[in-house]
């Protein structure tokens, strides 16, 4: 590996590994077309005893995020250590509340992709009528729209609305995904994105074909995304990271 990508001395090995993985995730999102100018967020808990997590610098496109310029903050939104960039208050509002309250919430993702926002704007929300949505049956909660998420007290209400579900659809806004690991959060976001893409496409063609309750329950039970035996998505995230390493390895800096 190039000397330019060696770990800076100010970061522990564990923190640097988390930074590299999260920076890779930002580049993967950009590659997939899931970026939103300089907005939206993927946050990741920093390994160790402190309640610190990493989030993107506010002002940079996802293709500019690197392991070293990710911002480390505490649960109150205070920057830990030096950063040349601030964070977006709208990102901290609910990411901080989720990380601070749920011990297994190691990664939190929020996007504004067109299909996911379209489904969040539907009165009935996500329809469990396709292969991808079926794997999310019983895993989705909703939060009513309150405006731009810059008020910290809404973070508590967003957390309450999630009800322990890993996928929260902010009505009229966009999805929030909570994962036990970054890989699981990425794969849950993939499921949500694909489920919404298929729903938007199929609704335009006519009446949706229902799936039986038994089949929906079987899909959730058999989904590799919830099975620790298969790493809950570790392999697919690793494959995407290898792709990014081939075309955009600068995230490791």
C-alpha atoms as a PDB file:
ATOM      1  CA  UNK A   1       0.000   0.000   0.000  1.00  0.00           C
ATOM      2  CA  UNK A   2       1.235   3.507  -0.809  1.00  0.00           C
ATOM      3  CA  UNK A   3       2.978   5.393   1.985  1.00  0.00           C
ATOM      4  CA  UNK A   4       0.361   8.140   1.540  1.00  0.00           C
ATOM      5  CA  UNK A   5      -2.218   5.754   2.976  1.00  0.00           C
ATOM      6  CA  UNK A   6      -0.338   4.820   6.146  1.00  0.00           C
ATOM      7  CA  UNK A   7      -2.189   5.327   9.438  1.00  0.00           C
ATOM      8  CA  UNK A   8      -1.537   8.770  10.990  1.00  0.00           C
ATOM      9  CA  UNK A   9      -0.030   8.438  14.467  1.00  0.00           C
ATOM     10  CA  UNK A  10      -2.879  10.401  16.088  1.00  0.00           C
ATOM     11  CA  UNK A  11      -5.343   7.566  15.402  1.00  0.00           C
ATOM     12  CA  UNK A  12      -5.366   4.160  17.073  1.00  0.00           C
ATOM     13  CA  UNK A  13      -5.412   1.099  14.837  1.00  0.00           C
ATOM     14  CA  UNK A  14      -9.034   0.397  15.745  1.00  0.00           C
ATOM     15  CA  UNK A  15     -10.189   3.949  15.043  1.00  0.00           C
ATOM     16  CA  UNK A  16      -8.246   4.085  11.785  1.00  0.00           C
ATOM     17  CA  UNK A  17      -9.828   0.840  10.611  1.00  0.00           C
ATOM     18  CA  UNK A  18     -13.273   2.309  11.341  1.00  0.00           C
ATOM     19  CA  UNK A  19     -12.353   5.513   9.520  1.00  0.00           C
ATOM     20  CA  UNK A  20     -11.176   3.645   6.430  1.00  0.00           C
ATOM     21  CA  UNK A  21     -14.330   1.535   6.349  1.00  0.00           C
ATOM     22  CA  UNK A  22     -16.626   4.534   6.761  1.00  0.00           C
ATOM     23  CA  UNK A  23     -14.759   6.588   4.149  1.00  0.00           C
ATOM     24  CA  UNK A  24     -15.113   3.639   1.777  1.00  0.00           C
ATOM     25  CA  UNK A  25     -18.849   3.596   2.459  1.00  0.00           C
ATOM     26  CA  UNK A  26     -19.170   7.251   1.480  1.00  0.00           C
ATOM     27  CA  UNK A  27     -17.371   6.535  -1.806  1.00  0.00           C
ATOM     28  CA  UNK A  28     -19.599   3.489  -2.385  1.00  0.00           C
ATOM     29  CA  UNK A  29     -22.721   5.625  -1.850  1.00  0.00           C
ATOM     30  CA  UNK A  30     -21.394   8.179  -4.341  1.00  0.00           C
ATOM     31  CA  UNK A  31     -20.657   5.427  -6.853  1.00  0.00           C
ATOM     32  CA  UNK A  32     -24.213   4.109  -6.484  1.00  0.00           C
ATOM     33  CA  UNK A  33     -25.722   7.576  -6.939  1.00  0.00           C
ATOM     34  CA  UNK A  34     -26.906   7.813  -3.341  1.00  0.00           C
ATOM     35  CA  UNK A  35     -25.108  11.087  -2.546  1.00  0.00           C
ATOM     36  CA  UNK A  36     -27.037  14.351  -2.105  1.00  0.00           C
ATOM     37  CA  UNK A  37     -24.645  17.243  -2.816  1.00  0.00           C
ATOM     38  CA  UNK A  38     -22.949  17.827   0.592  1.00  0.00           C
ATOM     39  CA  UNK A  39     -25.946  16.607   2.606  1.00  0.00           C
ATOM     40  CA  UNK A  40     -27.124  13.394   4.278  1.00  0.00           C
ATOM     41  CA  UNK A  41     -25.068  11.248   6.609  1.00  0.00           C
ATOM     42  CA  UNK A  42     -23.535   7.915   7.464  1.00  0.00           C
ATOM     43  CA  UNK A  43     -22.281   7.785  11.046  1.00  0.00           C
ATOM     44  CA  UNK A  44     -20.250   5.048  12.722  1.00  0.00           C
ATOM     45  CA  UNK A  45     -19.427   4.402  16.352  1.00  0.00           C
ATOM     46  CA  UNK A  46     -15.719   4.626  17.185  1.00  0.00           C
ATOM     47  CA  UNK A  47     -14.424   1.401  18.783  1.00  0.00           C
ATOM     48  CA  UNK A  48     -13.557   1.813  22.437  1.00  0.00           C
ATOM     49  CA  UNK A  49     -15.107   2.874  25.748  1.00  0.00           C
ATOM     50  CA  UNK A  50     -15.984   6.469  24.792  1.00  0.00           C
ATOM     51  CA  UNK A  51     -19.312   7.500  23.295  1.00  0.00           C
ATOM     52  CA  UNK A  52     -17.754   8.911  20.157  1.00  0.00           C
ATOM     53  CA  UNK A  53     -18.764   8.472  16.555  1.00  0.00           C
ATOM     54  CA  UNK A  54     -17.569   9.492  13.113  1.00  0.00           C
ATOM     55  CA  UNK A  55     -19.567  11.553  10.632  1.00  0.00           C
ATOM     56  CA  UNK A  56     -18.889  13.330   7.342  1.00  0.00           C
ATOM     57  CA  UNK A  57     -17.406  16.843   7.269  1.00  0.00           C
ATOM     58  CA  UNK A  58     -20.098  19.364   6.328  1.00  0.00           C
ATOM     59  CA  UNK A  59     -19.116  21.001   3.058  1.00  0.00           C
ATOM     60  CA  UNK A  60     -17.542  18.029   1.305  1.00  0.00           C
ATOM     61  CA  UNK A  61     -19.082  15.841  -1.380  1.00  0.00           C
ATOM     62  CA  UNK A  62     -19.015  12.114  -0.620  1.00  0.00           C
ATOM     63  CA  UNK A  63     -16.221  11.704  -3.178  1.00  0.00           C
ATOM     64  CA  UNK A  64     -14.088  14.061  -1.055  1.00  0.00           C
ATOM     65  CA  UNK A  65     -14.547  12.240   2.249  1.00  0.00           C
ATOM     66  CA  UNK A  66     -11.411  10.450   3.437  1.00  0.00           C
ATOM     67  CA  UNK A  67     -10.450   8.411   6.461  1.00  0.00           C
ATOM     68  CA  UNK A  68      -8.491  11.312   7.966  1.00  0.00           C
ATOM     69  CA  UNK A  69     -11.026  14.119   7.384  1.00  0.00           C
ATOM     70  CA  UNK A  70     -14.005  12.350   8.948  1.00  0.00           C
ATOM     71  CA  UNK A  71     -15.094  14.274  12.037  1.00  0.00           C
ATOM     72  CA  UNK A  72     -15.156  12.590  15.441  1.00  0.00           C
ATOM     73  CA  UNK A  73     -17.846  13.907  17.796  1.00  0.00           C
ATOM     74  CA  UNK A  74     -19.316  13.028  21.175  1.00  0.00           C
ATOM     75  CA  UNK A  75     -23.008  12.460  21.895  1.00  0.00           C
ATOM     76  CA  UNK A  76     -23.480  16.200  22.452  1.00  0.00           C
ATOM     77  CA  UNK A  77     -22.133  17.047  19.021  1.00  0.00           C
ATOM     78  CA  UNK A  78     -18.810  18.411  20.249  1.00  0.00           C
ATOM     79  CA  UNK A  79     -15.866  17.821  17.947  1.00  0.00           C
ATOM     80  CA  UNK A  80     -13.216  15.576  19.491  1.00  0.00           C
ATOM     81  CA  UNK A  81      -9.698  16.477  18.412  1.00  0.00           C
ATOM     82  CA  UNK A  82      -8.908  18.712  15.455  1.00  0.00           C
ATOM     83  CA  UNK A  83     -11.130  19.074  12.402  1.00  0.00           C
ATOM     84  CA  UNK A  84     -10.913  21.537   9.525  1.00  0.00           C
ATOM     85  CA  UNK A  85     -14.643  21.098   8.939  1.00  0.00           C
ATOM     86  CA  UNK A  86     -17.848  21.433  10.965  1.00  0.00           C
ATOM     87  CA  UNK A  87     -20.662  18.887  11.005  1.00  0.00           C
ATOM     88  CA  UNK A  88     -24.195  19.404   9.737  1.00  0.00           C
ATOM     89  CA  UNK A  89     -26.561  20.057  12.707  1.00  0.00           C
ATOM     90  CA  UNK A  90     -29.291  18.160  10.874  1.00  0.00           C
ATOM     91  CA  UNK A  91     -27.040  15.096  10.876  1.00  0.00           C
ATOM     92  CA  UNK A  92     -26.359  15.188  14.577  1.00  0.00           C
ATOM     93  CA  UNK A  93     -30.021  15.697  15.536  1.00  0.00           C
ATOM     94  CA  UNK A  94     -31.081  12.092  15.247  1.00  0.00           C
ATOM     95  CA  UNK A  95     -27.790  10.281  14.672  1.00  0.00           C
ATOM     96  CA  UNK A  96     -26.589  11.457  18.090  1.00  0.00           C
ATOM     97  CA  UNK A  97     -29.801  10.416  19.817  1.00  0.00           C
ATOM     98  CA  UNK A  98     -29.709   6.975  18.240  1.00  0.00           C
ATOM     99  CA  UNK A  99     -26.030   6.328  18.992  1.00  0.00           C
ATOM    100  CA  UNK A 100     -26.401   7.600  22.549  1.00  0.00           C
ATOM    101  CA  UNK A 101     -29.428   5.457  23.354  1.00  0.00           C
ATOM    102  CA  UNK A 102     -29.121   2.190  21.418  1.00  0.00           C
ATOM    103  CA  UNK A 103     -25.992   0.188  22.324  1.00  0.00           C
ATOM    104  CA  UNK A 104     -26.224  -1.902  19.135  1.00  0.00           C
ATOM    105  CA  UNK A 105     -26.624   1.140  16.860  1.00  0.00           C
ATOM    106  CA  UNK A 106     -23.064   1.092  15.540  1.00  0.00           C
ATOM    107  CA  UNK A 107     -23.959   2.618  12.182  1.00  0.00           C
ATOM    108  CA  UNK A 108     -26.768   4.990  11.173  1.00  0.00           C
ATOM    109  CA  UNK A 109     -27.538   5.893   7.560  1.00  0.00           C
ATOM    110  CA  UNK A 110     -29.784   8.621   6.141  1.00  0.00           C
ATOM    111  CA  UNK A 111     -30.271   9.279   2.410  1.00  0.00           C
ATOM    112  CA  UNK A 112     -32.526  11.248   0.067  1.00  0.00           C
ATOM    113  CA  UNK A 113     -32.581   9.004  -2.995  1.00  0.00           C
ATOM    114  CA  UNK A 114     -35.504   9.585  -5.347  1.00  0.00           C
ATOM    115  CA  UNK A 115     -37.246   6.201  -4.928  1.00  0.00           C
ATOM    116  CA  UNK A 116     -36.893   6.101  -1.133  1.00  0.00           C
ATOM    117  CA  UNK A 117     -38.185   9.655  -0.768  1.00  0.00           C
ATOM    118  CA  UNK A 118     -41.055   8.887  -3.152  1.00  0.00           C
ATOM    119  CA  UNK A 119     -42.161   5.965  -0.994  1.00  0.00           C
ATOM    120  CA  UNK A 120     -41.798   8.097   2.155  1.00  0.00           C
ATOM    121  CA  UNK A 121     -44.231  10.544   0.536  1.00  0.00           C
ATOM    122  CA  UNK A 122     -46.867   7.856  -0.047  1.00  0.00           C
ATOM    123  CA  UNK A 123     -49.703   7.688   2.470  1.00  0.00           C
ATOM    124  CA  UNK A 124     -49.359   3.904   2.767  1.00  0.00           C
ATOM    125  CA  UNK A 125     -45.563   3.941   2.712  1.00  0.00           C
ATOM    126  CA  UNK A 126     -43.610   0.827   1.810  1.00  0.00           C
ATOM    127  CA  UNK A 127     -45.595  -1.956   0.157  1.00  0.00           C
ATOM    128  CA  UNK A 128     -44.414  -5.473   0.996  1.00  0.00           C
ATOM    129  CA  UNK A 129     -45.087  -6.712  -2.503  1.00  0.00           C
ATOM    130  CA  UNK A 130     -41.663  -7.423  -3.962  1.00  0.00           C
ATOM    131  CA  UNK A 131     -38.653  -9.614  -3.231  1.00  0.00           C
ATOM    132  CA  UNK A 132     -36.643  -6.892  -1.499  1.00  0.00           C
ATOM    133  CA  UNK A 133     -39.496  -5.384   0.507  1.00  0.00           C
ATOM    134  CA  UNK A 134     -40.508  -8.847   1.722  1.00  0.00           C
ATOM    135  CA  UNK A 135     -37.186  -9.126   3.580  1.00  0.00           C
ATOM    136  CA  UNK A 136     -38.091  -5.934   5.486  1.00  0.00           C
ATOM    137  CA  UNK A 137     -41.467  -7.166   6.702  1.00  0.00           C
ATOM    138  CA  UNK A 138     -41.905  -6.226  10.365  1.00  0.00           C
ATOM    139  CA  UNK A 139     -38.655  -4.248  10.286  1.00  0.00           C
ATOM    140  CA  UNK A 140     -40.041  -0.822   9.284  1.00  0.00           C
ATOM    141  CA  UNK A 141     -41.360   2.054  11.427  1.00  0.00           C
ATOM    142  CA  UNK A 142     -42.508   5.605  10.546  1.00  0.00           C
ATOM    143  CA  UNK A 143     -41.990   9.107  11.924  1.00  0.00           C
ATOM    144  CA  UNK A 144     -44.269  12.018  11.039  1.00  0.00           C
ATOM    145  CA  UNK A 145     -42.746  14.987   9.246  1.00  0.00           C
ATOM    146  CA  UNK A 146     -41.803  17.916  11.522  1.00  0.00           C
ATOM    147  CA  UNK A 147     -39.699  19.969   9.114  1.00  0.00           C
ATOM    148  CA  UNK A 148     -35.923  20.125   8.689  1.00  0.00           C
ATOM    149  CA  UNK A 149     -34.302  18.021  11.407  1.00  0.00           C
ATOM    150  CA  UNK A 150     -32.210  20.718  13.072  1.00  0.00           C
ATOM    151  CA  UNK A 151     -33.954  20.742  16.463  1.00  0.00           C
ATOM    152  CA  UNK A 152     -32.354  18.383  18.946  1.00  0.00           C
ATOM    153  CA  UNK A 153     -35.584  17.508  20.749  1.00  0.00           C
ATOM    154  CA  UNK A 154     -36.850  15.884  17.550  1.00  0.00           C
ATOM    155  CA  UNK A 155     -34.021  13.380  17.834  1.00  0.00           C
ATOM    156  CA  UNK A 156     -35.707  11.922  20.901  1.00  0.00           C
ATOM    157  CA  UNK A 157     -39.041  11.657  19.074  1.00  0.00           C
ATOM    158  CA  UNK A 158     -37.384  10.079  16.037  1.00  0.00           C
ATOM    159  CA  UNK A 159     -35.804   7.503  18.319  1.00  0.00           C
ATOM    160  CA  UNK A 160     -39.156   6.778  19.984  1.00  0.00           C
ATOM    161  CA  UNK A 161     -40.823   6.405  16.581  1.00  0.00           C
ATOM    162  CA  UNK A 162     -38.290   3.762  15.531  1.00  0.00           C
ATOM    163  CA  UNK A 163     -39.608   1.422  18.221  1.00  0.00           C
ATOM    164  CA  UNK A 164     -36.528  -0.768  17.962  1.00  0.00           C
ATOM    165  CA  UNK A 165     -36.980  -1.335  14.213  1.00  0.00           C
ATOM    166  CA  UNK A 166     -33.833  -1.155  12.040  1.00  0.00           C
ATOM    167  CA  UNK A 167     -35.557   0.847   9.285  1.00  0.00           C
ATOM    168  CA  UNK A 168     -37.328   4.131   9.985  1.00  0.00           C
ATOM    169  CA  UNK A 169     -39.082   5.972   7.183  1.00  0.00           C
ATOM    170  CA  UNK A 170     -39.299   9.691   7.899  1.00  0.00           C
ATOM    171  CA  UNK A 171     -42.567  10.620   6.211  1.00  0.00           C
ATOM    172  CA  UNK A 172     -42.264  13.180   3.402  1.00  0.00           C
ATOM    173  CA  UNK A 173     -38.502  13.066   3.957  1.00  0.00           C
ATOM    174  CA  UNK A 174     -36.411   9.903   3.611  1.00  0.00           C
ATOM    175  CA  UNK A 175     -35.207   6.670   5.260  1.00  0.00           C
ATOM    176  CA  UNK A 176     -33.026   6.122   8.308  1.00  0.00           C
ATOM    177  CA  UNK A 177     -31.333   2.739   8.671  1.00  0.00           C
ATOM    178  CA  UNK A 178     -29.751   1.447  11.899  1.00  0.00           C
ATOM    179  CA  UNK A 179     -27.200  -1.361  11.783  1.00  0.00           C
ATOM    180  CA  UNK A 180     -25.233  -3.441  14.275  1.00  0.00           C
ATOM    181  CA  UNK A 181     -22.302  -2.884  11.921  1.00  0.00           C
ATOM    182  CA  UNK A 182     -21.528  -0.695   8.954  1.00  0.00           C
ATOM    183  CA  UNK A 183     -21.840  -3.690   6.619  1.00  0.00           C
ATOM    184  CA  UNK A 184     -25.295  -4.540   7.923  1.00  0.00           C
ATOM    185  CA  UNK A 185     -26.439  -0.913   7.654  1.00  0.00           C
ATOM    186  CA  UNK A 186     -25.185  -0.782   4.067  1.00  0.00           C
ATOM    187  CA  UNK A 187     -27.049  -3.949   3.153  1.00  0.00           C
ATOM    188  CA  UNK A 188     -30.255  -2.784   4.855  1.00  0.00           C
ATOM    189  CA  UNK A 189     -29.996   0.442   2.878  1.00  0.00           C
ATOM    190  CA  UNK A 190     -29.530  -1.626  -0.280  1.00  0.00           C
ATOM    191  CA  UNK A 191     -32.725  -3.537   0.554  1.00  0.00           C
ATOM    192  CA  UNK A 192     -34.665  -0.327   1.201  1.00  0.00           C
ATOM    193  CA  UNK A 193     -33.388   1.298  -1.999  1.00  0.00           C
ATOM    194  CA  UNK A 194     -34.168  -1.725  -4.176  1.00  0.00           C
ATOM    195  CA  UNK A 195     -37.569  -2.274  -2.527  1.00  0.00           C
ATOM    196  CA  UNK A 196     -38.525   1.330  -3.233  1.00  0.00           C
ATOM    197  CA  UNK A 197     -37.188   1.260  -6.791  1.00  0.00           C
ATOM    198  CA  UNK A 198     -39.275  -1.831  -7.586  1.00  0.00           C
ATOM    199  CA  UNK A 199     -42.358  -0.416  -5.853  1.00  0.00           C
ATOM    200  CA  UNK A 200     -42.180   2.879  -7.752  1.00  0.00           C
ATOM    201  CA  UNK A 201     -41.731   1.020 -11.044  1.00  0.00           C
ATOM    202  CA  UNK A 202     -44.440  -1.584 -10.446  1.00  0.00           C
ATOM    203  CA  UNK A 203     -47.047   0.840  -9.084  1.00  0.00           C
ATOM    204  CA  UNK A 204     -46.867   2.719 -12.366  1.00  0.00           C
ATOM    205  CA  UNK A 205     -47.903  -0.439 -14.230  1.00  0.00           C
ATOM    206  CA  UNK A 206     -51.010  -1.370 -12.270  1.00  0.00           C
ATOM    207  CA  UNK A 207     -52.269  -3.136  -9.169  1.00  0.00           C
ATOM    208  CA  UNK A 208     -49.581  -4.702  -6.996  1.00  0.00           C
ATOM    209  CA  UNK A 209     -49.601  -8.459  -6.417  1.00  0.00           C
ATOM    210  CA  UNK A 210     -49.807  -9.226  -2.662  1.00  0.00           C
ATOM    211  CA  UNK A 211     -47.475 -11.655  -0.884  1.00  0.00           C
ATOM    212  CA  UNK A 212     -48.854 -13.984   1.769  1.00  0.00           C
ATOM    213  CA  UNK A 213     -48.078 -13.443   5.446  1.00  0.00           C
ATOM    214  CA  UNK A 214     -46.352 -16.822   5.628  1.00  0.00           C
ATOM    215  CA  UNK A 215     -44.099 -15.985   2.697  1.00  0.00           C
ATOM    216  CA  UNK A 216     -43.225 -12.584   4.150  1.00  0.00           C
ATOM    217  CA  UNK A 217     -42.245 -14.124   7.476  1.00  0.00           C
ATOM    218  CA  UNK A 218     -40.174 -16.737   5.667  1.00  0.00           C
ATOM    219  CA  UNK A 219     -38.330 -14.034   3.710  1.00  0.00           C
ATOM    220  CA  UNK A 220     -37.327 -12.218   6.898  1.00  0.00           C
ATOM    221  CA  UNK A 221     -36.289 -15.484   8.545  1.00  0.00           C
ATOM    222  CA  UNK A 222     -34.179 -16.585   5.571  1.00  0.00           C
ATOM    223  CA  UNK A 223     -32.643 -13.223   4.604  1.00  0.00           C
ATOM    224  CA  UNK A 224     -28.863 -13.271   4.826  1.00  0.00           C
ATOM    225  CA  UNK A 225     -28.971  -9.615   5.883  1.00  0.00           C
ATOM    226  CA  UNK A 226     -30.164 -10.628   9.349  1.00  0.00           C
ATOM    227  CA  UNK A 227     -28.074 -13.800   9.704  1.00  0.00           C
ATOM    228  CA  UNK A 228     -24.827 -13.389  11.704  1.00  0.00           C
ATOM    229  CA  UNK A 229     -23.602 -16.705  10.227  1.00  0.00           C
ATOM    230  CA  UNK A 230     -23.176 -14.882   6.930  1.00  0.00           C
ATOM    231  CA  UNK A 231     -21.782 -11.733   8.490  1.00  0.00           C
ATOM    232  CA  UNK A 232     -25.033  -9.808   7.998  1.00  0.00           C
ATOM    233  CA  UNK A 233     -23.718  -8.394   4.754  1.00  0.00           C
ATOM    234  CA  UNK A 234     -19.962  -8.358   5.395  1.00  0.00           C
ATOM    235  CA  UNK A 235     -19.148 -10.131   2.127  1.00  0.00           C
ATOM    236  CA  UNK A 236     -21.175  -7.840  -0.099  1.00  0.00           C
ATOM    237  CA  UNK A 237     -19.766  -4.715   1.559  1.00  0.00           C
ATOM    238  CA  UNK A 238     -16.246  -6.105   1.161  1.00  0.00           C
ATOM    239  CA  UNK A 239     -16.948  -6.695  -2.529  1.00  0.00           C
ATOM    240  CA  UNK A 240     -18.072  -3.092  -2.968  1.00  0.00           C
ATOM    241  CA  UNK A 241     -15.012  -1.849  -1.088  1.00  0.00           C
ATOM    242  CA  UNK A 242     -12.763  -3.810  -3.454  1.00  0.00           C
ATOM    243  CA  UNK A 243     -14.543  -2.148  -6.368  1.00  0.00           C
ATOM    244  CA  UNK A 244     -13.898   1.291  -4.861  1.00  0.00           C
ATOM    245  CA  UNK A 245     -10.268   0.374  -4.242  1.00  0.00           C
ATOM    246  CA  UNK A 246      -9.905  -0.279  -7.970  1.00  0.00           C
ATOM    247  CA  UNK A 247     -11.479   2.987  -9.123  1.00  0.00           C
ATOM    248  CA  UNK A 248     -11.214   5.487  -6.252  1.00  0.00           C
ATOM    249  CA  UNK A 249      -8.679   4.451  -3.564  1.00  0.00           C
ATOM    250  CA  UNK A 250      -8.051   8.023  -2.371  1.00  0.00           C
ATOM    251  CA  UNK A 251     -10.577   7.535   0.435  1.00  0.00           C
ATOM    252  CA  UNK A 252      -7.850   5.728   2.389  1.00  0.00           C
ATOM    253  CA  UNK A 253      -5.844   8.937   2.865  1.00  0.00           C
END
